[in-house]
Amino acid sequence: MRFVFNRKGKILGSVGKLPDAGGSIERQIPIEVAEPEECEQASAVVCVPDSWGSGEFTDNVHTTCADCGCAIHHRPHAPNRPPRICIDCFVKRREASL
């Protein structure tokens, strides 16, 4: 499973803790830089649940998780084609793929 960030020339780092129902899962997941066209081929866009707060950006896009239906939000420049999923569903997909 690859994780890419859609900003040319800037790598932000890696994900440290991914929460799930049982606490948190410690992981270091490398994030690569990819062109927007490559990001459109992703299997999913991982989004923040609205229950974590709406974030500091007023232009966030609010929608629902394609897997569980919970309320989520993402940045307006997120890829259009891949389904949007919440972080909890990402963790479930990730664990199922191991």
Protein backbone atom coordinates (compact mmCIF):
# COMPACT_ATOMS: atom_id res chain seq x y z
CA MET A 1 0.00 0.00 0.00
CA ARG A 2 1.46 3.36 -1.05
CA PHE A 3 0.59 6.69 0.49
CA VAL A 4 1.04 9.83 -1.57
CA PHE A 5 0.71 13.51 -0.92
CA ASN A 6 -0.62 15.73 -3.68
CA ARG A 7 1.78 18.65 -3.45
CA LYS A 8 4.61 18.81 -5.93
CA GLY A 9 8.04 19.06 -4.36
CA LYS A 10 7.12 18.89 -0.67
CA ILE A 11 7.10 15.80 1.56
CA LEU A 12 5.33 16.45 4.85
CA GLY A 13 6.58 13.36 6.69
CA SER A 14 4.74 10.32 7.92
CA VAL A 15 1.71 9.39 9.92
CA GLY A 16 2.54 8.65 13.56
CA LYS A 17 -0.57 7.39 15.34
CA LEU A 18 -3.66 6.12 13.61
CA PRO A 19 -6.60 5.92 16.01
CA ASP A 20 -9.03 3.06 16.07
CA ALA A 21 -11.75 1.90 18.43
CA GLY A 22 -9.23 0.20 20.74
CA GLY A 23 -6.87 3.14 21.30
CA SER A 24 -4.12 3.85 18.80
CA ILE A 25 -1.98 1.90 16.42
CA GLU A 26 1.68 2.94 16.29
CA ARG A 27 2.85 3.08 12.67
CA GLN A 28 5.37 4.92 10.58
CA ILE A 29 3.99 5.13 7.06
CA PRO A 30 6.16 6.85 4.44
CA ILE A 31 4.37 9.45 2.35
CA GLU A 32 5.53 10.11 -1.21
CA VAL A 33 5.00 13.14 -3.40
CA ALA A 34 2.90 12.47 -6.50
CA GLU A 35 1.51 14.47 -9.37
CA PRO A 36 -2.24 15.18 -9.28
CA GLU A 37 -2.84 12.77 -12.18
CA GLU A 38 -1.26 9.91 -10.23
CA CYS A 39 -3.30 10.78 -7.13
CA GLU A 40 -6.48 10.30 -9.18
CA GLN A 41 -5.50 6.61 -9.41
CA ALA A 42 -5.42 6.15 -5.61
CA SER A 43 -7.62 3.50 -4.03
CA ALA A 44 -9.06 6.02 -1.52
CA VAL A 45 -8.71 9.52 -0.07
CA VAL A 46 -8.35 9.34 3.72
CA CYS A 47 -10.37 12.13 5.37
CA VAL A 48 -10.83 13.54 8.86
CA PRO A 49 -14.08 12.69 10.68
CA ASP A 50 -16.22 15.74 11.48
CA SER A 51 -16.40 14.42 15.06
CA TRP A 52 -12.73 15.45 15.43
CA GLY A 53 -13.66 19.08 14.68
CA SER A 54 -14.17 20.96 11.46
CA GLY A 55 -10.57 22.11 11.13
CA GLU A 56 -9.20 25.57 10.71
CA PHE A 57 -10.06 25.98 7.02
CA THR A 58 -13.41 27.48 6.10
CA ASP A 59 -13.34 25.96 2.61
CA ASN A 60 -13.17 22.30 3.69
CA VAL A 61 -15.51 20.03 1.74
CA HIS A 62 -17.96 18.06 3.93
CA THR A 63 -19.19 14.66 2.77
CA THR A 64 -19.68 11.11 4.08
CA CYS A 65 -17.34 8.12 4.30
CA ALA A 66 -17.81 5.72 1.38
CA ASP A 67 -17.39 2.73 3.71
CA CYS A 68 -19.28 3.52 6.94
CA GLY A 69 -21.25 6.68 6.12
CA CYS A 70 -19.90 8.88 8.94
CA ALA A 71 -19.51 12.63 8.35
CA ILE A 72 -16.02 13.57 7.10
CA HIS A 73 -14.23 16.52 5.55
CA HIS A 74 -11.31 17.07 3.19
CA ARG A 75 -9.54 19.86 1.37
CA PRO A 76 -11.10 21.05 -1.91
CA HIS A 77 -8.02 20.02 -3.94
CA ALA A 78 -8.31 16.33 -2.94
CA PRO A 79 -8.44 13.91 -5.90
CA ASN A 80 -11.91 13.55 -7.44
CA ARG A 81 -12.02 9.90 -8.58
CA PRO A 82 -11.08 7.86 -5.48
CA PRO A 83 -13.70 7.19 -2.81
CA ARG A 84 -13.37 9.25 0.38
CA ILE A 85 -13.06 7.25 3.59
CA CYS A 86 -12.64 8.15 7.26
CA ILE A 87 -9.48 7.40 9.20
CA ASP A 88 -11.15 4.51 11.10
CA CYS A 89 -12.11 2.81 7.83
CA PHE A 90 -8.59 3.41 6.50
CA VAL A 91 -7.20 1.57 9.54
CA LYS A 92 -9.63 -1.32 8.92
CA ARG A 93 -8.63 -1.51 5.24
CA ARG A 94 -4.95 -1.32 6.14
CA GLU A 95 -5.20 -4.08 8.75
CA ALA A 96 -7.16 -6.29 6.33
CA SER A 97 -4.44 -5.88 3.69
CA LEU A 98 -1.59 -7.04 5.97
